[in-house]
PDB file of N, CA and C in Angstrom:
ATOM      1  N   MET A   1      16.358   7.291   6.072  1.00  0.00           N
ATOM      2  CA  MET A   1      16.338   5.797   6.099  1.00  0.00           C
ATOM      3  C   MET A   1      15.796   5.119   5.122  1.00  0.00           C
ATOM      4  N   LEU A   2      14.068   5.527   4.941  1.00  0.00           N
ATOM      5  CA  LEU A   2      13.597   5.131   3.209  1.00  0.00           C
ATOM      6  C   LEU A   2      14.182   5.899   2.154  1.00  0.00           C
ATOM      7  N   LYS A   3      15.268   6.117   2.295  1.00  0.00           N
ATOM      8  CA  LYS A   3      15.520   5.977   0.852  1.00  0.00           C
ATOM      9  C   LYS A   3      16.698   5.586   0.666  1.00  0.00           C
ATOM     10  N   ASN A   4      16.986   4.935   1.448  1.00  0.00           N
ATOM     11  CA  ASN A   4      18.676   4.041   1.573  1.00  0.00           C
ATOM     12  C   ASN A   4      17.684   2.644   2.077  1.00  0.00           C
ATOM     13  N   ARG A   5      16.664   2.311   2.591  1.00  0.00           N
ATOM     14  CA  ARG A   5      16.064   0.815   2.702  1.00  0.00           C
ATOM     15  C   ARG A   5      15.494   0.391   1.025  1.00  0.00           C
ATOM     16  N   TYR A   6      14.283   1.547   0.513  1.00  0.00           N
ATOM     17  CA  TYR A   6      14.521   1.326  -0.750  1.00  0.00           C
ATOM     18  C   TYR A   6      14.167   1.304  -2.301  1.00  0.00           C
ATOM     19  N   GLU A   7      13.847   1.261  -2.557  1.00  0.00           N
ATOM     20  CA  GLU A   7      14.088   1.442  -4.278  1.00  0.00           C
ATOM     21  C   GLU A   7      12.241   1.161  -4.568  1.00  0.00           C
ATOM     22  N   ILE A   8      11.851   2.124  -5.914  1.00  0.00           N
ATOM     23  CA  ILE A   8      10.898   2.309  -6.866  1.00  0.00           C
ATOM     24  C   ILE A   8      10.776   0.935  -6.994  1.00  0.00           C
ATOM     25  N   GLY A   9       9.677  -0.260  -7.460  1.00  0.00           N
ATOM     26  CA  GLY A   9      10.426  -1.277  -8.759  1.00  0.00           C
ATOM     27  C   GLY A   9      10.183  -2.548  -7.348  1.00  0.00           C
ATOM     28  N   ASP A  10      10.612  -1.832  -5.641  1.00  0.00           N
ATOM     29  CA  ASP A  10      10.781  -2.748  -4.865  1.00  0.00           C
ATOM     30  C   ASP A  10       9.426  -3.997  -4.448  1.00  0.00           C
ATOM     31  N   VAL A  11       9.333  -5.039  -4.898  1.00  0.00           N
ATOM     32  CA  VAL A  11       8.381  -6.176  -4.034  1.00  0.00           C
ATOM     33  C   VAL A  11       7.857  -6.633  -2.757  1.00  0.00           C
ATOM     34  N   ILE A  12       7.283  -6.013  -1.766  1.00  0.00           N
ATOM     35  CA  ILE A  12       7.800  -6.806  -0.315  1.00  0.00           C
ATOM     36  C   ILE A  12       6.506  -6.523   0.275  1.00  0.00           C
ATOM     37  N   ASP A  13       6.648  -7.793   1.477  1.00  0.00           N
ATOM     38  CA  ASP A  13       5.778  -7.715   1.730  1.00  0.00           C
ATOM     39  C   ASP A  13       5.569  -6.922   3.166  1.00  0.00           C
ATOM     40  N   ALA A  14       3.920  -6.339   3.058  1.00  0.00           N
ATOM     41  CA  ALA A  14       3.573  -5.623   4.117  1.00  0.00           C
ATOM     42  C   ALA A  14       2.648  -5.675   5.281  1.00  0.00           C
ATOM     43  N   THR A  15       1.593  -5.224   5.792  1.00  0.00           N
ATOM     44  CA  THR A  15       0.592  -6.230   6.381  1.00  0.00           C
ATOM     45  C   THR A  15      -0.381  -4.557   6.444  1.00  0.00           C
ATOM     46  N   VAL A  16      -1.995  -5.196   5.661  1.00  0.00           N
ATOM     47  CA  VAL A  16      -3.124  -4.188   5.948  1.00  0.00           C
ATOM     48  C   VAL A  16      -3.372  -2.782   6.727  1.00  0.00           C
ATOM     49  N   THR A  17      -3.017  -2.142   7.239  1.00  0.00           N
ATOM     50  CA  THR A  17      -3.357  -1.277   7.983  1.00  0.00           C
ATOM     51  C   THR A  17      -5.408  -0.234   8.807  1.00  0.00           C
ATOM     52  N   SER A  18      -5.817   0.181   7.279  1.00  0.00           N
ATOM     53  CA  SER A  18      -6.935   0.625   6.623  1.00  0.00           C
ATOM     54  C   SER A  18      -6.715   0.481   5.819  1.00  0.00           C
ATOM     55  N   VAL A  19      -8.979   0.736   5.159  1.00  0.00           N
ATOM     56  CA  VAL A  19      -8.788   0.513   5.001  1.00  0.00           C
ATOM     57  C   VAL A  19     -10.306   2.063   4.173  1.00  0.00           C
ATOM     58  N   THR A  20      -9.934   3.522   3.173  1.00  0.00           N
ATOM     59  CA  THR A  20     -10.620   4.768   3.380  1.00  0.00           C
ATOM     60  C   THR A  20     -10.816   4.317   2.627  1.00  0.00           C
ATOM     61  N   HIS A  21     -11.848   6.085   1.644  1.00  0.00           N
ATOM     62  CA  HIS A  21     -11.981   6.528   0.954  1.00  0.00           C
ATOM     63  C   HIS A  21     -11.462   6.295  -0.569  1.00  0.00           C
ATOM     64  N   PHE A  22     -10.172   6.621  -0.071  1.00  0.00           N
ATOM     65  CA  PHE A  22      -8.826   6.725  -1.069  1.00  0.00           C
ATOM     66  C   PHE A  22      -8.191   5.737  -1.070  1.00  0.00           C
ATOM     67  N   GLY A  23      -8.577   4.561   0.074  1.00  0.00           N
ATOM     68  CA  GLY A  23      -7.384   3.427  -0.794  1.00  0.00           C
ATOM     69  C   GLY A  23      -7.048   2.533   0.461  1.00  0.00           C
ATOM     70  N   VAL A  24      -6.077   1.493   0.780  1.00  0.00           N
ATOM     71  CA  VAL A  24      -5.605   0.843   1.233  1.00  0.00           C
ATOM     72  C   VAL A  24      -4.592   1.401   1.724  1.00  0.00           C
ATOM     73  N   PHE A  25      -4.039   1.457   3.068  1.00  0.00           N
ATOM     74  CA  PHE A  25      -2.829   1.779   3.574  1.00  0.00           C
ATOM     75  C   PHE A  25      -2.436   0.432   4.054  1.00  0.00           C
ATOM     76  N   ALA A  26      -1.247  -0.055   3.993  1.00  0.00           N
ATOM     77  CA  ALA A  26      -0.495  -1.201   4.390  1.00  0.00           C
ATOM     78  C   ALA A  26       1.455  -0.104   5.286  1.00  0.00           C
ATOM     79  N   ARG A  27       1.613  -0.985   6.531  1.00  0.00           N
ATOM     80  CA  ARG A  27       2.669  -0.978   6.138  1.00  0.00           C
ATOM     81  C   ARG A  27       3.903  -1.905   5.989  1.00  0.00           C
ATOM     82  N   LEU A  28       4.802  -1.297   6.278  1.00  0.00           N
ATOM     83  CA  LEU A  28       5.692  -1.918   5.518  1.00  0.00           C
ATOM     84  C   LEU A  28       6.649  -2.490   7.494  1.00  0.00           C
ATOM     85  N   ASP A  29       7.986  -2.546   7.803  1.00  0.00           N
ATOM     86  CA  ASP A  29       8.669  -3.306   7.751  1.00  0.00           C
ATOM     87  C   ASP A  29       9.193  -1.809   8.836  1.00  0.00           C
ATOM     88  N   LEU A  30       9.694  -1.189  10.291  1.00  0.00           N
ATOM     89  CA  LEU A  30       9.465  -0.671  10.182  1.00  0.00           C
ATOM     90  C   LEU A  30       8.716   0.691  10.697  1.00  0.00           C
ATOM     91  N   GLY A  31       7.651   0.183  10.761  1.00  0.00           N
ATOM     92  CA  GLY A  31       6.357   0.927  11.105  1.00  0.00           C
ATOM     93  C   GLY A  31       6.310   2.074   9.284  1.00  0.00           C
ATOM     94  N   ILE A  32       6.714   1.622   8.117  1.00  0.00           N
ATOM     95  CA  ILE A  32       6.937   3.081   7.138  1.00  0.00           C
ATOM     96  C   ILE A  32       5.776   2.343   6.819  1.00  0.00           C
ATOM     97  N   GLU A  33       4.058   3.783   6.464  1.00  0.00           N
ATOM     98  CA  GLU A  33       3.016   3.402   5.914  1.00  0.00           C
ATOM     99  C   GLU A  33       3.175   4.142   4.170  1.00  0.00           C
ATOM    100  N   GLY A  34       1.993   3.170   3.273  1.00  0.00           N
ATOM    101  CA  GLY A  34       2.022   3.598   2.374  1.00  0.00           C
ATOM    102  C   GLY A  34       0.696   3.918   1.975  1.00  0.00           C
ATOM    103  N   LEU A  35      -0.018   4.102   1.065  1.00  0.00           N
ATOM    104  CA  LEU A  35      -0.794   3.646   0.079  1.00  0.00           C
ATOM    105  C   LEU A  35      -1.319   3.434  -1.233  1.00  0.00           C
ATOM    106  N   ILE A  36      -2.021   2.512  -1.540  1.00  0.00           N
ATOM    107  CA  ILE A  36      -2.411   1.569  -2.696  1.00  0.00           C
ATOM    108  C   ILE A  36      -3.601   2.313  -2.778  1.00  0.00           C
ATOM    109  N   HIS A  37      -3.541   3.637  -4.021  1.00  0.00           N
ATOM    110  CA  HIS A  37      -4.274   4.630  -4.001  1.00  0.00           C
ATOM    111  C   HIS A  37      -5.385   3.895  -4.868  1.00  0.00           C
ATOM    112  N   VAL A  38      -7.212   3.795  -4.466  1.00  0.00           N
ATOM    113  CA  VAL A  38      -8.105   3.614  -4.917  1.00  0.00           C
ATOM    114  C   VAL A  38      -8.282   3.043  -6.471  1.00  0.00           C
ATOM    115  N   SER A  39      -7.586   4.040  -6.940  1.00  0.00           N
ATOM    116  CA  SER A  39      -8.204   3.724  -8.421  1.00  0.00           C
ATOM    117  C   SER A  39      -6.845   2.555  -9.093  1.00  0.00           C
ATOM    118  N   SER A  40      -5.547   2.357  -7.968  1.00  0.00           N
ATOM    119  CA  SER A  40      -5.611   0.840  -8.623  1.00  0.00           C
ATOM    120  C   SER A  40      -6.223  -0.630  -8.149  1.00  0.00           C
ATOM    121  N   PHE A  41      -7.551  -0.276  -7.437  1.00  0.00           N
ATOM    122  CA  PHE A  41      -8.547  -1.451  -7.700  1.00  0.00           C
ATOM    123  C   PHE A  41      -9.066  -1.401  -8.887  1.00  0.00           C
ATOM    124  N   GLU A  42     -10.314  -2.603  -8.946  1.00  0.00           N
ATOM    125  CA  GLU A  42     -11.479  -2.657  -9.928  1.00  0.00           C
ATOM    126  C   GLU A  42     -12.299  -0.582  -9.959  1.00  0.00           C
ATOM    127  N   ALA A  43     -12.311  -0.742 -10.409  1.00  0.00           N
ATOM    128  CA  ALA A  43     -13.129   0.642 -10.817  1.00  0.00           C
ATOM    129  C   ALA A  43     -14.963   0.941  -9.291  1.00  0.00           C
ATOM    130  N   ASN A  44     -15.242  -0.678 -10.036  1.00  0.00           N
ATOM    131  CA  ASN A  44     -16.354  -1.306  -9.266  1.00  0.00           C
ATOM    132  C   ASN A  44     -16.236  -1.325  -7.602  1.00  0.00           C
ATOM    133  N   ASN A  45     -14.943  -1.642  -6.447  1.00  0.00           N
ATOM    134  CA  ASN A  45     -14.522  -1.974  -5.481  1.00  0.00           C
ATOM    135  C   ASN A  45     -14.913  -0.966  -5.298  1.00  0.00           C
ATOM    136  N   SER A  46     -16.685  -0.923  -3.841  1.00  0.00           N
ATOM    137  CA  SER A  46     -16.130   0.691  -2.666  1.00  0.00           C
ATOM    138  C   SER A  46     -14.982   0.453  -1.867  1.00  0.00           C
ATOM    139  N   ARG A  47     -15.560   1.336  -0.580  1.00  0.00           N
ATOM    140  CA  ARG A  47     -14.578   0.940   0.463  1.00  0.00           C
ATOM    141  C   ARG A  47     -15.533   0.023   1.394  1.00  0.00           C
ATOM    142  N   GLN A  48     -16.486  -0.821   0.443  1.00  0.00           N
ATOM    143  CA  GLN A  48     -16.578  -1.414   1.653  1.00  0.00           C
ATOM    144  C   GLN A  48     -16.095  -3.410   0.956  1.00  0.00           C
ATOM    145  N   GLU A  49     -16.461  -3.102   0.126  1.00  0.00           N
ATOM    146  CA  GLU A  49     -15.891  -4.425  -0.676  1.00  0.00           C
ATOM    147  C   GLU A  49     -14.392  -4.316  -0.520  1.00  0.00           C
ATOM    148  N   LEU A  50     -13.098  -3.209  -0.226  1.00  0.00           N
ATOM    149  CA  LEU A  50     -12.101  -3.102  -0.270  1.00  0.00           C
ATOM    150  C   LEU A  50     -12.408  -3.280   1.582  1.00  0.00           C
ATOM    151  N   THR A  51     -12.375  -3.633   1.831  1.00  0.00           N
ATOM    152  CA  THR A  51     -12.398  -3.862   3.937  1.00  0.00           C
ATOM    153  C   THR A  51     -12.992  -5.418   3.226  1.00  0.00           C
ATOM    154  N   LYS A  52     -13.682  -6.175   2.847  1.00  0.00           N
ATOM    155  CA  LYS A  52     -14.009  -7.802   3.149  1.00  0.00           C
ATOM    156  C   LYS A  52     -12.682  -7.647   2.482  1.00  0.00           C
ATOM    157  N   LEU A  53     -12.207  -7.370   1.394  1.00  0.00           N
ATOM    158  CA  LEU A  53     -11.019  -7.453   0.608  1.00  0.00           C
ATOM    159  C   LEU A  53      -9.670  -8.192   1.034  1.00  0.00           C
ATOM    160  N   TYR A  54      -9.422  -6.697   1.583  1.00  0.00           N
ATOM    161  CA  TYR A  54      -8.411  -6.357   2.357  1.00  0.00           C
ATOM    162  C   TYR A  54      -8.441  -6.069   3.737  1.00  0.00           C
ATOM    163  N   PRO A  55      -8.759  -7.428   5.113  1.00  0.00           N
ATOM    164  CA  PRO A  55      -8.767  -6.467   6.326  1.00  0.00           C
ATOM    165  C   PRO A  55      -8.159  -6.241   7.146  1.00  0.00           C
ATOM    166  N   VAL A  56      -7.672  -5.324   7.894  1.00  0.00           N
ATOM    167  CA  VAL A  56      -6.836  -5.011   8.654  1.00  0.00           C
ATOM    168  C   VAL A  56      -6.482  -6.441   9.401  1.00  0.00           C
ATOM    169  N   GLY A  57      -4.920  -6.200   9.323  1.00  0.00           N
ATOM    170  CA  GLY A  57      -4.303  -7.279   9.436  1.00  0.00           C
ATOM    171  C   GLY A  57      -3.706  -8.326   8.699  1.00  0.00           C
ATOM    172  N   ASN A  58      -4.593  -8.523   8.080  1.00  0.00           N
ATOM    173  CA  ASN A  58      -4.014  -8.696   6.435  1.00  0.00           C
ATOM    174  C   ASN A  58      -2.754  -9.118   6.044  1.00  0.00           C
ATOM    175  N   PRO A  59      -1.441  -9.951   6.020  1.00  0.00           N
ATOM    176  CA  PRO A  59      -0.496  -9.491   5.211  1.00  0.00           C
ATOM    177  C   PRO A  59      -1.162  -8.892   3.147  1.00  0.00           C
ATOM    178  N   ILE A  60      -0.147  -8.596   2.496  1.00  0.00           N
ATOM    179  CA  ILE A  60      -0.411  -7.787   1.920  1.00  0.00           C
ATOM    180  C   ILE A  60       1.014  -8.086   0.951  1.00  0.00           C
ATOM    181  N   ARG A  61       0.882  -7.918  -0.244  1.00  0.00           N
ATOM    182  CA  ARG A  61       2.174  -7.564  -1.358  1.00  0.00           C
ATOM    183  C   ARG A  61       2.170  -7.137  -1.925  1.00  0.00           C
ATOM    184  N   VAL A  62       3.039  -5.562  -2.086  1.00  0.00           N
ATOM    185  CA  VAL A  62       2.678  -4.880  -2.522  1.00  0.00           C
ATOM    186  C   VAL A  62       4.490  -4.658  -3.789  1.00  0.00           C
ATOM    187  N   LYS A  63       4.127  -3.333  -4.294  1.00  0.00           N
ATOM    188  CA  LYS A  63       5.022  -2.790  -5.188  1.00  0.00           C
ATOM    189  C   LYS A  63       5.074  -1.292  -5.411  1.00  0.00           C
ATOM    190  N   ILE A  64       6.505  -1.104  -4.686  1.00  0.00           N
ATOM    191  CA  ILE A  64       6.316   0.327  -4.011  1.00  0.00           C
ATOM    192  C   ILE A  64       7.043   1.004  -5.523  1.00  0.00           C
ATOM    193  N   ILE A  65       6.075   2.039  -6.307  1.00  0.00           N
ATOM    194  CA  ILE A  65       5.960   3.110  -6.944  1.00  0.00           C
ATOM    195  C   ILE A  65       6.045   4.506  -6.882  1.00  0.00           C
ATOM    196  N   HIS A  66       6.144   4.831  -6.049  1.00  0.00           N
ATOM    197  CA  HIS A  66       6.599   6.250  -5.967  1.00  0.00           C
ATOM    198  C   HIS A  66       7.116   6.748  -4.900  1.00  0.00           C
ATOM    199  N   ILE A  67       7.676   7.567  -4.479  1.00  0.00           N
ATOM    200  CA  ILE A  67       8.287   7.463  -3.139  1.00  0.00           C
ATOM    201  C   ILE A  67       9.428   8.953  -2.877  1.00  0.00           C
ATOM    202  N   ASP A  68       8.391   9.496  -2.162  1.00  0.00           N
ATOM    203  CA  ASP A  68       8.040  11.587  -2.104  1.00  0.00           C
ATOM    204  C   ASP A  68       8.490  11.747   0.018  1.00  0.00           C
ATOM    205  N   ILE A  69      10.149  11.997  -0.349  1.00  0.00           N
ATOM    206  CA  ILE A  69      10.681  11.511   0.996  1.00  0.00           C
ATOM    207  C   ILE A  69      10.598  13.112   2.116  1.00  0.00           C
ATOM    208  N   ASP A  70      10.787  13.888   0.851  1.00  0.00           N
ATOM    209  CA  ASP A  70       9.596  15.324   1.594  1.00  0.00           C
ATOM    210  C   ASP A  70       8.668  15.112   1.771  1.00  0.00           C
ATOM    211  N   LYS A  71       7.986  14.685   1.881  1.00  0.00           N
ATOM    212  CA  LYS A  71       6.356  14.505   1.752  1.00  0.00           C
ATOM    213  C   LYS A  71       6.035  12.890   2.829  1.00  0.00           C
ATOM    214  N   ARG A  72       6.658  12.952   2.695  1.00  0.00           N
ATOM    215  CA  ARG A  72       6.791  11.052   3.507  1.00  0.00           C
ATOM    216  C   ARG A  72       5.822  10.634   2.727  1.00  0.00           C
ATOM    217  N   ARG A  73       5.845  10.132   2.269  1.00  0.00           N
ATOM    218  CA  ARG A  73       4.714  10.003   0.731  1.00  0.00           C
ATOM    219  C   ARG A  73       5.320   8.567   0.839  1.00  0.00           C
ATOM    220  N   LEU A  74       4.218   7.200   1.250  1.00  0.00           N
ATOM    221  CA  LEU A  74       4.947   6.195  -0.179  1.00  0.00           C
ATOM    222  C   LEU A  74       3.566   5.328  -0.865  1.00  0.00           C
ATOM    223  N   GLY A  75       3.880   5.537  -2.372  1.00  0.00           N
ATOM    224  CA  GLY A  75       2.635   4.470  -3.555  1.00  0.00           C
ATOM    225  C   GLY A  75       3.475   3.558  -3.263  1.00  0.00           C
ATOM    226  N   LEU A  76       2.411   2.733  -3.119  1.00  0.00           N
ATOM    227  CA  LEU A  76       2.302   1.235  -3.366  1.00  0.00           C
ATOM    228  C   LEU A  76       0.759   1.261  -4.441  1.00  0.00           C
ATOM    229  N   ARG A  77       1.475  -0.251  -4.576  1.00  0.00           N
ATOM    230  CA  ARG A  77      -0.379  -1.041  -5.852  1.00  0.00           C
ATOM    231  C   ARG A  77       0.017  -2.314  -5.278  1.00  0.00           C
ATOM    232  N   LEU A  78      -0.705  -3.194  -5.332  1.00  0.00           N
ATOM    233  CA  LEU A  78      -0.530  -4.557  -5.378  1.00  0.00           C
ATOM    234  C   LEU A  78       0.241  -5.330  -6.121  1.00  0.00           C
ATOM    235  N   ALA A  79       0.980  -6.252  -5.028  1.00  0.00           N
ATOM    236  CA  ALA A  79       1.970  -6.888  -6.692  1.00  0.00           C
ATOM    237  C   ALA A  79       1.148  -7.819  -7.015  1.00  0.00           C
ATOM    238  N   VAL A  80       1.659  -8.053  -8.369  1.00  0.00           N
ATOM    239  CA  VAL A  80       1.204  -9.321  -8.988  1.00  0.00           C
ATOM    240  C   VAL A  80       1.930 -10.572  -8.702  1.00  0.00           C
ATOM    241  N   ASN A  81       1.395 -11.713  -8.246  1.00  0.00           N
ATOM    242  CA  ASN A  81       2.096 -12.692  -8.243  1.00  0.00           C
ATOM    243  C   ASN A  81       3.084 -13.950  -9.610  1.00  0.00           C
TER     244      ASN A  81
END
């Protein structure tokens, strides 16, 4: 389903589901979640700052940068408007 629905480079709407020490998780439609790795943010952003910038439940625009079907992982970046 993931492979047929999305491609690397797609820019889509998502919803923030959690913020961890290694990044921000966002849910796409159909319950699919991906990670925006902490290295994608400014170097000085702490988890606390990311939580303020990207509260759980907020909409976010993301770009798919990696799809690993076997490991069921989806890599994301913030989409530039």
